Amino acid sequence: MKVPWDRLRMNIARYAPMFCALIVSVVLLYIASRTRPRQPMFLDQQDRVGLKSNVQEGTKEKKSLPEPALGTGEGVAAHPIPLEDELRTMTNKQLATLYNDYLTNVQVLCRDKIRMGNIHGGGWDVCVDGHYKLKKDNCIVYSFGIDNDFSFDDDVADTFGCEVHAFDPSMNKDDHQRGKLINFHNLGLADINGNGKSSWPMKTLPVIRQDNGHAEKDIDYVKIDIEDSEWGALRYAFKTDALKGIKQLSLEFHIFGKEEVSRYIARLNVLRELYNQGYRIFWTHNNVVYPACRFTSIFDGRQRTRCHEVYFLKWV
């Protein structure tokens, strides 16, 4: 029988492309099944929270970890602050950049936070995740710096039934009871016990806690907005262990006056000590509402703010 070679060649030419495509597909599927996906080269914030890290350099001992609400392990500083000797070797630009970068990065994750008080100036954010949530009718809040805006204090008292102590010596108001739960004190927070500028009465945090019967009690939330006096007040609080038992700490950090290397170093020392005492940033934003807060840095030429609102959890 004679083989029809012409017809065979036509069939081969017709089906060869499909056959080759099938072979290529099989090979590609095999390669894909044997190849693992590459791991990403970065860690998202949730992964960071799960990492274990020591407190920053300079702390003598590693602190034990309480049962956290949001995960396991300590929060990791994206921009760790070196010891003062190393800070003094850094350039003006490096110090200014480190200060601003540290205050604008989150270190731990709070998945449930709420705004208490005015949505703009006067209001503050509160983490209500896990054991950080303010317990109904069983919580204590300190609020330093009112400036005639009680919206935060009123909201905390009305929503959670907290015992609130509000402090401000600049309002020309005597001590009084504001409603059932809010105690107003004509008193400022500082690093001295006595009269401060404008002859305002001032006290340190340990004395204030002692006066209110809270020296040995946990305080759920402390808000501090005292126009650049926070730095000295914090340094004194470190010396006296006055932050003991404070679960959430929220501050507006200021850097008023001329940009100076010494100012940045002093403030970075305070921020490092806050970290070493176990406080981790869970929320932060730049206050640009007030024109006095905005400026252009002479060190790095960037648009900056003199006012950072920063929120901390007692994490370790």
Protein backbone atom coordinates (compact mmCIF):
# COMPACT_ATOMS: atom_id res chain seq x y z
CA MET A 1 0.00 0.00 0.00
CA LYS A 2 1.39 3.34 -1.00
CA VAL A 3 1.84 5.85 1.87
CA PRO A 4 0.28 9.28 1.13
CA TRP A 5 3.37 11.31 2.08
CA ASP A 6 1.93 14.57 0.87
CA ARG A 7 -1.13 14.18 3.13
CA LEU A 8 1.10 13.18 6.11
CA ARG A 9 3.31 16.26 5.67
CA MET A 10 0.21 18.46 5.53
CA ASN A 11 -1.15 16.98 8.77
CA ILE A 12 2.19 17.41 10.55
CA ALA A 13 2.42 21.03 9.44
CA ARG A 14 -1.17 21.61 10.57
CA TYR A 15 -0.89 20.14 14.08
CA ALA A 16 2.77 20.88 14.95
CA PRO A 17 2.09 24.37 16.47
CA MET A 18 -0.63 23.02 18.76
CA PHE A 19 1.59 20.13 19.83
CA CYS A 20 4.51 22.49 20.62
CA ALA A 21 2.21 24.79 22.61
CA LEU A 22 1.00 21.81 24.64
CA ILE A 23 4.57 20.75 25.43
CA VAL A 24 5.53 24.30 26.51
CA SER A 25 2.45 24.56 28.78
CA VAL A 26 3.25 21.26 30.48
CA VAL A 27 6.85 22.36 31.09
CA LEU A 28 5.76 25.74 32.53
CA LEU A 29 3.21 24.12 34.85
CA TYR A 30 5.86 21.73 36.12
CA ILE A 31 8.29 24.57 36.82
CA ALA A 32 5.60 26.59 38.62
CA SER A 33 4.66 23.63 40.81
CA ARG A 34 8.28 23.17 41.89
CA THR A 35 9.03 26.82 42.61
CA ARG A 36 8.15 28.44 45.97
CA PRO A 37 7.02 32.07 45.97
CA ARG A 38 9.69 34.46 47.10
CA GLN A 39 9.27 36.01 50.52
CA PRO A 40 8.76 39.78 50.62
CA MET A 41 11.78 41.87 51.52
CA PHE A 42 9.91 43.95 54.08
CA LEU A 43 7.91 43.44 57.26
CA ASP A 44 4.48 44.95 57.61
CA GLN A 45 3.48 46.51 60.93
CA GLN A 46 1.72 43.40 62.20
CA ASP A 47 4.85 41.31 61.59
CA ARG A 48 6.95 43.91 63.37
CA VAL A 49 4.78 43.67 66.47
CA GLY A 50 5.53 39.95 66.63
CA LEU A 51 9.28 40.48 66.68
CA LYS A 52 11.27 40.16 69.89
CA SER A 53 13.72 42.94 70.67
CA ASN A 54 15.64 44.23 73.65
CA VAL A 55 15.04 47.68 75.01
CA GLN A 56 17.27 50.24 73.41
CA GLU A 57 20.95 50.37 74.15
CA GLY A 58 21.81 51.82 77.52
CA THR A 59 19.25 49.97 79.65
CA LYS A 60 20.88 47.77 82.26
CA GLU A 61 18.39 44.95 82.19
CA LYS A 62 15.73 43.60 79.92
CA LYS A 63 12.23 44.11 81.24
CA SER A 64 9.73 41.29 81.39
CA LEU A 65 6.77 41.32 79.08
CA PRO A 66 3.23 41.53 80.45
CA GLU A 67 0.39 39.79 78.70
CA PRO A 68 -0.14 42.13 75.74
CA ALA A 69 -3.47 42.87 74.16
CA LEU A 70 -2.34 42.93 70.56
CA GLY A 71 0.26 40.24 70.02
CA THR A 72 3.48 38.81 71.34
CA GLY A 73 6.77 40.62 71.75
CA GLU A 74 7.87 44.18 72.08
CA GLY A 75 7.36 46.98 69.59
CA VAL A 76 10.43 47.72 67.51
CA ALA A 77 11.64 51.28 67.00
CA ALA A 78 12.08 52.00 63.31
CA HIS A 79 14.66 54.64 64.15
CA PRO A 80 16.40 53.59 67.40
CA ILE A 81 17.98 56.42 69.36
CA PRO A 82 21.65 55.91 70.26
CA LEU A 83 23.26 56.95 73.52
CA GLU A 84 24.19 60.60 74.09
CA ASP A 85 27.88 60.11 73.29
CA GLU A 86 26.96 58.91 69.83
CA LEU A 87 24.33 61.62 69.39
CA ARG A 88 27.06 64.22 69.93
CA THR A 89 28.98 62.83 66.95
CA MET A 90 26.02 63.28 64.61
CA THR A 91 25.53 66.24 62.29
CA ASN A 92 22.81 68.86 62.74
CA LYS A 93 20.88 67.38 59.84
CA GLN A 94 21.13 63.83 61.21
CA LEU A 95 19.82 64.91 64.63
CA ALA A 96 16.90 66.87 63.19
CA THR A 97 15.97 64.02 60.87
CA LEU A 98 16.20 61.40 63.63
CA TYR A 99 13.99 63.46 65.96
CA ASN A 100 11.27 63.94 63.36
CA ASP A 101 11.46 60.41 61.98
CA TYR A 102 11.23 58.87 65.46
CA LEU A 103 8.10 60.83 66.33
CA THR A 104 6.30 60.03 63.08
CA ASN A 105 6.62 56.23 63.10
CA VAL A 106 4.33 53.73 64.83
CA GLN A 107 5.98 51.00 66.94
CA VAL A 108 3.02 48.86 68.03
CA LEU A 109 -0.42 48.30 66.61
CA CYS A 110 -3.68 49.25 68.30
CA ARG A 111 -6.48 47.85 66.16
CA ASP A 112 -9.22 49.70 68.03
CA LYS A 113 -8.76 53.37 68.87
CA ILE A 114 -11.35 56.08 69.23
CA ARG A 115 -11.29 59.86 69.20
CA MET A 116 -12.46 61.49 72.40
CA GLY A 117 -13.41 65.17 72.39
CA ASN A 118 -13.16 67.58 69.46
CA ILE A 119 -12.08 66.07 66.17
CA HIS A 120 -9.47 68.80 65.72
CA GLY A 121 -7.71 70.70 68.51
CA GLY A 122 -8.69 69.61 72.00
CA GLY A 123 -9.53 66.00 71.15
CA TRP A 124 -7.26 63.02 71.80
CA ASP A 125 -7.16 59.38 70.68
CA VAL A 126 -7.56 56.47 73.10
CA CYS A 127 -6.65 52.82 72.50
CA VAL A 128 -9.53 50.58 73.59
CA ASP A 129 -7.99 47.31 72.44
CA GLY A 130 -7.72 44.42 74.92
CA HIS A 131 -6.65 45.29 78.45
CA TYR A 132 -5.97 48.91 77.45
CA LYS A 133 -9.69 49.58 77.19
CA LEU A 134 -10.93 51.94 79.87
CA LYS A 135 -13.07 49.94 82.29
CA LYS A 136 -16.56 51.33 82.68
CA ASP A 137 -16.91 53.27 85.95
CA ASN A 138 -13.50 52.03 87.07
CA CYS A 139 -10.83 54.14 85.39
CA ILE A 140 -8.61 57.11 86.20
CA VAL A 141 -7.57 59.80 83.70
CA TYR A 142 -5.16 62.72 84.15
CA SER A 143 -5.43 65.60 81.69
CA PHE A 144 -2.67 68.24 81.80
CA GLY A 145 -3.26 71.34 79.69
CA ILE A 146 -6.91 72.29 79.11
CA ASP A 147 -6.87 75.81 77.65
CA ASN A 148 -10.63 76.13 78.35
CA ASP A 149 -11.43 73.10 76.16
CA PHE A 150 -12.90 70.30 78.27
CA SER A 151 -14.20 68.29 75.31
CA PHE A 152 -11.76 65.40 75.88
CA ASP A 153 -12.37 65.32 79.64
CA ASP A 154 -16.15 65.52 79.29
CA ASP A 155 -16.22 62.78 76.65
CA VAL A 156 -14.07 60.38 78.69
CA ALA A 157 -16.21 60.96 81.80
CA ASP A 158 -19.51 60.60 79.92
CA THR A 159 -18.49 57.57 77.83
CA PHE A 160 -16.53 55.51 80.35
CA GLY A 161 -17.46 57.00 83.71
CA CYS A 162 -13.79 57.67 84.51
CA GLU A 163 -12.55 59.71 87.43
CA VAL A 164 -10.93 62.61 85.58
CA HIS A 165 -8.42 65.10 86.99
CA ALA A 166 -7.90 68.15 84.76
CA PHE A 167 -4.99 70.53 85.36
CA ASP A 168 -4.28 74.02 84.03
CA PRO A 169 -2.95 77.05 85.94
CA SER A 170 -3.30 79.42 82.96
CA MET A 171 -7.11 79.65 82.95
CA ASN A 172 -7.57 81.85 86.03
CA LYS A 173 -10.01 79.35 87.51
CA ASP A 174 -10.02 78.06 91.08
CA ASP A 175 -10.15 74.38 91.93
CA HIS A 176 -13.67 73.11 91.34
CA GLN A 177 -15.78 70.08 90.57
CA ARG A 178 -16.92 70.00 86.96
CA GLY A 179 -19.91 67.71 87.05
CA LYS A 180 -19.82 64.52 89.06
CA LEU A 181 -16.60 62.98 87.75
CA ILE A 182 -14.25 65.78 86.65
CA ASN A 183 -12.01 67.50 89.18
CA PHE A 184 -10.36 70.70 87.97
CA HIS A 185 -7.07 71.71 89.57
CA ASN A 186 -5.60 75.20 89.25
CA LEU A 187 -2.20 73.59 88.97
CA GLY A 188 0.45 72.90 86.36
CA LEU A 189 2.77 69.93 85.76
CA ALA A 190 6.50 70.69 85.95
CA ASP A 191 9.82 69.56 87.36
CA ILE A 192 9.41 71.73 90.47
CA ASN A 193 7.00 72.06 93.37
CA GLY A 194 6.29 75.76 93.75
CA ASN A 195 5.56 78.77 91.59
CA GLY A 196 6.57 78.68 87.97
CA LYS A 197 6.37 81.30 85.24
CA SER A 198 3.68 83.94 85.73
CA SER A 199 3.64 82.77 89.37
CA TRP A 200 1.51 79.78 88.39
CA PRO A 201 1.37 76.99 90.99
CA MET A 202 3.27 73.94 89.75
CA LYS A 203 3.87 70.43 91.03
CA THR A 204 5.72 67.32 89.89
CA LEU A 205 3.94 64.16 88.78
CA PRO A 206 4.85 62.06 91.86
CA VAL A 207 3.55 64.77 94.22
CA ILE A 208 0.34 65.16 92.20
CA ARG A 209 -0.27 61.41 92.30
CA GLN A 210 0.40 61.36 96.04
CA ASP A 211 -1.97 64.31 96.67
CA ASN A 212 -4.78 62.56 94.80
CA GLY A 213 -4.26 59.19 96.45
CA HIS A 214 -2.96 57.57 93.26
CA ALA A 215 0.68 56.96 94.14
CA GLU A 216 0.17 53.19 94.21
CA LYS A 217 -2.80 52.97 91.84
CA ASP A 218 -2.77 52.32 88.12
CA ILE A 219 -3.72 55.31 85.99
CA ASP A 220 -5.40 54.35 82.75
CA TYR A 221 -4.62 57.43 80.67
CA VAL A 222 -2.42 60.50 81.05
CA LYS A 223 -2.62 63.34 78.53
CA ILE A 224 0.06 66.06 78.58
CA ASP A 225 -0.12 69.20 76.45
CA ILE A 226 1.80 71.84 78.36
CA GLU A 227 3.63 73.86 75.71
CA ASP A 228 7.26 72.69 75.96
CA SER A 229 7.22 72.04 79.74
CA GLU A 230 6.69 68.32 79.06
CA TRP A 231 10.43 67.69 78.67
CA GLY A 232 11.41 68.79 82.17
CA ALA A 233 8.36 67.14 83.71
CA LEU A 234 9.23 63.83 82.05
CA ARG A 235 12.87 63.98 83.12
CA TYR A 236 11.77 64.44 86.73
CA ALA A 237 9.21 61.64 86.37
CA PHE A 238 11.96 59.27 85.18
CA LYS A 239 14.07 60.00 88.27
CA THR A 240 11.18 59.27 90.64
CA ASP A 241 9.55 56.31 88.84
CA ALA A 242 6.40 58.45 88.57
CA LEU A 243 5.23 56.76 85.34
CA LYS A 244 4.69 53.50 87.19
CA GLY A 245 1.24 52.05 86.46
CA ILE A 246 0.38 54.49 83.65
CA LYS A 247 -1.12 52.39 80.85
CA GLN A 248 -1.48 55.02 78.13
CA LEU A 249 0.53 58.20 77.78
CA SER A 250 -0.30 60.86 75.20
CA LEU A 251 1.74 63.99 74.69
CA GLU A 252 2.12 66.91 72.40
CA PHE A 253 5.87 67.30 72.04
CA HIS A 254 7.12 70.80 71.28
CA ILE A 255 10.43 72.13 70.08
CA PHE A 256 9.88 75.88 70.29
CA GLY A 257 12.63 78.44 69.92
CA LYS A 258 15.65 78.19 67.65
CA GLU A 259 16.75 74.85 66.28
CA GLU A 260 19.83 73.95 68.28
CA VAL A 261 21.88 70.77 68.46
CA SER A 262 21.67 70.78 72.26
CA ARG A 263 17.86 70.94 72.13
CA TYR A 264 17.63 67.95 69.81
CA ILE A 265 20.06 65.91 71.92
CA ALA A 266 18.18 66.67 75.16
CA ARG A 267 14.85 65.72 73.60
CA LEU A 268 16.18 62.56 72.00
CA ASN A 269 17.49 61.50 75.41
CA VAL A 270 13.95 61.84 76.80
CA LEU A 271 12.44 59.85 73.93
CA ARG A 272 15.01 57.07 74.39
CA GLU A 273 14.20 56.86 78.10
CA LEU A 274 10.48 56.64 77.37
CA TYR A 275 11.25 53.69 75.11
CA ASN A 276 13.44 52.09 77.75
CA GLN A 277 10.67 52.47 80.32
CA GLY A 278 8.46 50.37 78.06
CA TYR A 279 6.39 52.97 76.19
CA ARG A 280 5.71 52.29 72.52
CA ILE A 281 4.12 54.62 69.98
CA PHE A 282 0.75 53.34 68.73
CA TRP A 283 -0.40 56.49 66.96
CA THR A 284 1.16 59.78 65.93
CA HIS A 285 0.41 62.78 63.80
CA ASN A 286 1.83 66.21 63.12
CA ASN A 287 -0.10 69.16 64.45
CA VAL A 288 -0.26 71.65 61.61
CA VAL A 289 -3.52 73.34 62.63
CA TYR A 290 -1.70 76.19 64.34
CA PRO A 291 0.58 78.34 62.13
CA ALA A 292 3.08 78.68 65.00
CA CYS A 293 3.76 74.94 64.71
CA ARG A 294 4.88 75.05 61.07
CA PHE A 295 8.43 75.93 60.06
CA THR A 296 11.21 75.09 57.62
CA SER A 297 14.17 73.34 59.23
CA ILE A 298 17.48 75.17 58.91
CA PHE A 299 19.22 71.79 59.19
CA ASP A 300 17.56 69.71 56.47
CA GLY A 301 15.46 72.28 54.62
CA ARG A 302 12.24 70.32 55.04
CA GLN A 303 8.84 71.59 56.08
CA ARG A 304 8.48 70.51 59.70
CA THR A 305 6.18 70.93 62.67
CA ARG A 306 7.15 72.07 66.14
CA CYS A 307 4.18 70.15 67.56
CA HIS A 308 3.90 66.34 67.39
CA GLU A 309 0.92 64.59 69.01
CA VAL A 310 2.24 61.17 70.00
CA TYR A 311 0.38 58.31 71.70
CA PHE A 312 2.09 55.59 73.73
CA LEU A 313 1.05 52.26 75.23
CA LYS A 314 2.85 50.82 78.24
CA TRP A 315 4.06 47.77 76.32
CA VAL A 316 6.82 46.23 78.43
